[in-house]
Amino acid sequence: MVETILVFALIPLAIYGAVSLATLRSKFSGAQRYRPGQPWEHPPQWWSANPEGVGTSRIQPAADGTGTTAKGGARGNW
């Protein structure tokens, strides 16, 4: 009877407890998080997935100077 309770109750409870403590560890670490409504106390930071491409345009001017060579739009004719 004791072995059955140990195998089917205490071991799974120990595993669940270990997993729950591991997931809640970051919550109790004490690092403050920003919450809406709080003042922002850090310098502004812009994020870009491609920092090398910031400020560059993929649209090239037309050779005759009449506009651009961009295609596409709502119809999707590329």
N, C-alpha and C. Protein backbone atom coordinates (compact mmCIF):
# COMPACT_ATOMS: atom_id res chain seq x y z
N MET A 1 0.81 -1.18 0.00
CA MET A 1 0.00 0.00 0.00
C MET A 1 0.87 1.26 0.00
N VAL A 2 1.91 1.30 0.80
CA VAL A 2 2.78 2.47 0.88
C VAL A 2 3.51 2.67 -0.44
N GLU A 3 3.96 1.60 -1.04
CA GLU A 3 4.65 1.72 -2.33
C GLU A 3 3.72 2.25 -3.41
N THR A 4 2.46 1.86 -3.40
CA THR A 4 1.50 2.34 -4.39
C THR A 4 1.27 3.84 -4.22
N ILE A 5 1.09 4.29 -3.01
CA ILE A 5 0.90 5.72 -2.77
C ILE A 5 2.14 6.50 -3.17
N LEU A 6 3.31 5.95 -2.87
CA LEU A 6 4.55 6.62 -3.22
C LEU A 6 4.69 6.76 -4.73
N VAL A 7 4.42 5.70 -5.45
CA VAL A 7 4.61 5.72 -6.90
C VAL A 7 3.55 6.56 -7.60
N PHE A 8 2.28 6.41 -7.20
CA PHE A 8 1.21 7.06 -7.93
C PHE A 8 0.79 8.42 -7.38
N ALA A 9 1.27 8.82 -6.22
CA ALA A 9 0.86 10.10 -5.65
C ALA A 9 2.04 11.01 -5.33
N LEU A 10 2.98 10.56 -4.55
CA LEU A 10 4.05 11.44 -4.08
C LEU A 10 5.06 11.78 -5.17
N ILE A 11 5.43 10.83 -5.99
CA ILE A 11 6.40 11.11 -7.06
C ILE A 11 5.82 12.10 -8.07
N PRO A 12 4.57 11.89 -8.57
CA PRO A 12 4.01 12.91 -9.48
C PRO A 12 3.86 14.28 -8.82
N LEU A 13 3.47 14.32 -7.54
CA LEU A 13 3.38 15.61 -6.85
C LEU A 13 4.73 16.28 -6.74
N ALA A 14 5.77 15.53 -6.50
CA ALA A 14 7.11 16.09 -6.44
C ALA A 14 7.53 16.65 -7.79
N ILE A 15 7.20 15.95 -8.86
CA ILE A 15 7.53 16.43 -10.21
C ILE A 15 6.77 17.72 -10.52
N TYR A 16 5.46 17.74 -10.23
CA TYR A 16 4.67 18.95 -10.45
C TYR A 16 5.20 20.12 -9.62
N GLY A 17 5.58 19.84 -8.40
CA GLY A 17 6.13 20.89 -7.54
C GLY A 17 7.43 21.46 -8.08
N ALA A 18 8.31 20.56 -8.56
CA ALA A 18 9.59 21.02 -9.11
C ALA A 18 9.38 21.87 -10.36
N VAL A 19 8.47 21.44 -11.23
CA VAL A 19 8.19 22.20 -12.45
C VAL A 19 7.56 23.55 -12.11
N SER A 20 6.64 23.57 -11.16
CA SER A 20 6.00 24.85 -10.81
C SER A 20 6.99 25.81 -10.17
N LEU A 21 7.89 25.32 -9.35
CA LEU A 21 8.90 26.19 -8.77
C LEU A 21 9.86 26.72 -9.83
N ALA A 22 10.18 25.89 -10.81
CA ALA A 22 11.08 26.34 -11.87
C ALA A 22 10.43 27.41 -12.73
N THR A 23 9.13 27.31 -12.97
CA THR A 23 8.46 28.31 -13.81
C THR A 23 8.18 29.59 -13.04
N LEU A 24 7.97 29.51 -11.75
CA LEU A 24 7.68 30.70 -10.95
C LEU A 24 8.94 31.39 -10.44
N ARG A 25 10.09 30.80 -10.67
CA ARG A 25 11.34 31.36 -10.17
C ARG A 25 11.58 32.77 -10.69
N SER A 26 11.30 33.00 -11.97
CA SER A 26 11.54 34.33 -12.54
C SER A 26 10.57 35.36 -11.97
N LYS A 27 9.39 34.93 -11.56
CA LYS A 27 8.41 35.85 -10.98
C LYS A 27 8.88 36.35 -9.62
N PHE A 28 9.57 35.53 -8.89
CA PHE A 28 10.03 35.90 -7.55
C PHE A 28 11.45 36.44 -7.54
N SER A 29 12.04 36.65 -8.71
CA SER A 29 13.43 37.09 -8.76
C SER A 29 13.60 38.54 -8.30
N GLY A 30 12.55 39.32 -8.29
CA GLY A 30 12.64 40.68 -7.81
C GLY A 30 12.90 41.71 -8.88
N ALA A 31 13.06 41.31 -10.12
CA ALA A 31 13.27 42.27 -11.21
C ALA A 31 11.96 43.02 -11.46
N GLN A 32 12.04 44.34 -11.45
CA GLN A 32 10.85 45.13 -11.66
C GLN A 32 10.48 45.14 -13.12
N ARG A 33 9.19 45.08 -13.39
CA ARG A 33 8.67 45.11 -14.74
C ARG A 33 7.89 46.40 -14.95
N TYR A 34 7.82 46.81 -16.20
CA TYR A 34 7.01 47.99 -16.53
C TYR A 34 5.55 47.58 -16.55
N ARG A 35 4.74 48.38 -15.93
CA ARG A 35 3.29 48.19 -15.94
C ARG A 35 2.66 49.42 -16.57
N PRO A 36 1.60 49.26 -17.34
CA PRO A 36 0.95 50.41 -17.95
C PRO A 36 0.54 51.43 -16.89
N GLY A 37 0.78 52.67 -17.20
CA GLY A 37 0.47 53.75 -16.27
C GLY A 37 1.66 54.21 -15.46
N GLN A 38 2.71 53.43 -15.40
CA GLN A 38 3.91 53.85 -14.69
C GLN A 38 4.75 54.75 -15.58
N PRO A 39 5.49 55.67 -15.01
CA PRO A 39 6.37 56.51 -15.84
C PRO A 39 7.51 55.67 -16.41
N TRP A 40 7.90 55.99 -17.64
CA TRP A 40 9.01 55.29 -18.30
C TRP A 40 10.30 55.96 -17.88
N GLU A 41 11.18 55.23 -17.22
CA GLU A 41 12.41 55.81 -16.66
C GLU A 41 13.66 55.42 -17.42
N HIS A 42 13.52 55.00 -18.64
CA HIS A 42 14.67 54.56 -19.43
C HIS A 42 14.77 55.42 -20.69
N PRO A 43 15.95 55.50 -21.30
CA PRO A 43 16.06 56.28 -22.54
C PRO A 43 15.27 55.62 -23.67
N PRO A 44 14.75 56.42 -24.61
CA PRO A 44 13.99 55.84 -25.72
C PRO A 44 14.90 54.96 -26.58
N GLN A 45 14.33 53.92 -27.10
CA GLN A 45 15.11 52.98 -27.91
C GLN A 45 14.25 52.53 -29.08
N TRP A 46 14.81 52.66 -30.26
CA TRP A 46 14.13 52.17 -31.46
C TRP A 46 14.62 50.78 -31.75
N TRP A 47 13.72 49.92 -32.19
CA TRP A 47 14.09 48.55 -32.51
C TRP A 47 13.83 48.30 -33.98
N SER A 48 14.76 47.63 -34.60
CA SER A 48 14.60 47.25 -36.00
C SER A 48 15.15 45.84 -36.16
N ALA A 49 14.46 45.03 -36.93
CA ALA A 49 14.92 43.68 -37.16
C ALA A 49 16.15 43.66 -38.05
N ASN A 50 16.35 44.74 -38.81
CA ASN A 50 17.49 44.82 -39.71
C ASN A 50 18.15 46.18 -39.52
N PRO A 51 19.04 46.33 -38.52
CA PRO A 51 19.63 47.64 -38.26
C PRO A 51 20.47 48.17 -39.42
N GLU A 52 21.04 47.28 -40.24
CA GLU A 52 21.83 47.75 -41.38
C GLU A 52 20.96 48.39 -42.45
N GLY A 53 19.68 48.00 -42.48
CA GLY A 53 18.79 48.50 -43.52
C GLY A 53 17.97 49.70 -43.12
N VAL A 54 18.17 50.23 -41.92
CA VAL A 54 17.40 51.37 -41.47
C VAL A 54 17.76 52.58 -42.32
N GLY A 55 16.74 53.22 -42.84
CA GLY A 55 16.95 54.42 -43.62
C GLY A 55 17.15 54.16 -45.10
N THR A 56 17.27 52.92 -45.50
CA THR A 56 17.40 52.62 -46.92
C THR A 56 16.03 52.27 -47.48
N SER A 57 15.86 52.51 -48.75
CA SER A 57 14.59 52.23 -49.40
C SER A 57 14.79 51.21 -50.50
N ARG A 58 13.84 50.31 -50.63
CA ARG A 58 13.91 49.33 -51.71
C ARG A 58 13.34 49.88 -53.02
N ILE A 59 12.65 51.00 -52.94
CA ILE A 59 12.06 51.59 -54.14
C ILE A 59 13.13 52.39 -54.85
N GLN A 60 13.41 52.04 -56.07
CA GLN A 60 14.45 52.71 -56.85
C GLN A 60 13.80 53.72 -57.81
N PRO A 61 14.43 54.86 -58.02
CA PRO A 61 13.87 55.83 -58.97
C PRO A 61 13.98 55.29 -60.40
N ALA A 62 13.01 55.69 -61.22
CA ALA A 62 13.01 55.25 -62.61
C ALA A 62 14.17 55.89 -63.37
N ALA A 63 14.62 55.21 -64.41
CA ALA A 63 15.77 55.70 -65.18
C ALA A 63 15.44 57.01 -65.90
N ASP A 64 14.18 57.20 -66.31
CA ASP A 64 13.84 58.42 -67.03
C ASP A 64 13.45 59.56 -66.09
N GLY A 65 13.45 59.34 -64.78
CA GLY A 65 13.17 60.40 -63.82
C GLY A 65 11.71 60.73 -63.67
N THR A 66 10.82 59.90 -64.20
CA THR A 66 9.38 60.21 -64.15
C THR A 66 8.71 59.68 -62.88
N GLY A 67 9.38 58.94 -62.12
CA GLY A 67 8.74 58.39 -60.92
C GLY A 67 9.58 57.24 -60.38
N THR A 68 8.91 56.22 -59.99
CA THR A 68 9.60 55.08 -59.43
C THR A 68 9.26 53.83 -60.23
N THR A 69 10.05 52.81 -60.00
CA THR A 69 9.82 51.54 -60.68
C THR A 69 9.05 50.57 -59.78
N ALA A 70 8.46 51.09 -58.70
CA ALA A 70 7.72 50.22 -57.77
C ALA A 70 6.50 49.65 -58.45
N LYS A 71 6.29 48.38 -58.25
CA LYS A 71 5.11 47.71 -58.80
C LYS A 71 4.38 47.04 -57.65
N GLY A 72 3.20 46.58 -57.94
CA GLY A 72 2.43 45.89 -56.91
C GLY A 72 1.17 46.66 -56.64
N GLY A 73 0.84 46.81 -55.41
CA GLY A 73 -0.37 47.52 -55.03
C GLY A 73 -1.46 46.55 -54.64
N ALA A 74 -2.71 47.03 -54.73
CA ALA A 74 -3.84 46.24 -54.27
C ALA A 74 -4.07 45.01 -55.14
N ARG A 75 -3.71 45.09 -56.41
CA ARG A 75 -3.94 43.95 -57.30
C ARG A 75 -2.85 42.91 -57.19
N GLY A 76 -1.70 43.26 -56.67
CA GLY A 76 -0.62 42.30 -56.49
C GLY A 76 0.09 41.97 -57.79
N ASN A 77 0.11 42.86 -58.74
CA ASN A 77 0.85 42.63 -59.98
C ASN A 77 2.30 43.00 -59.77
N TRP A 78 3.11 42.01 -59.55
CA TRP A 78 4.51 42.24 -59.25
C TRP A 78 5.29 42.00 -60.50
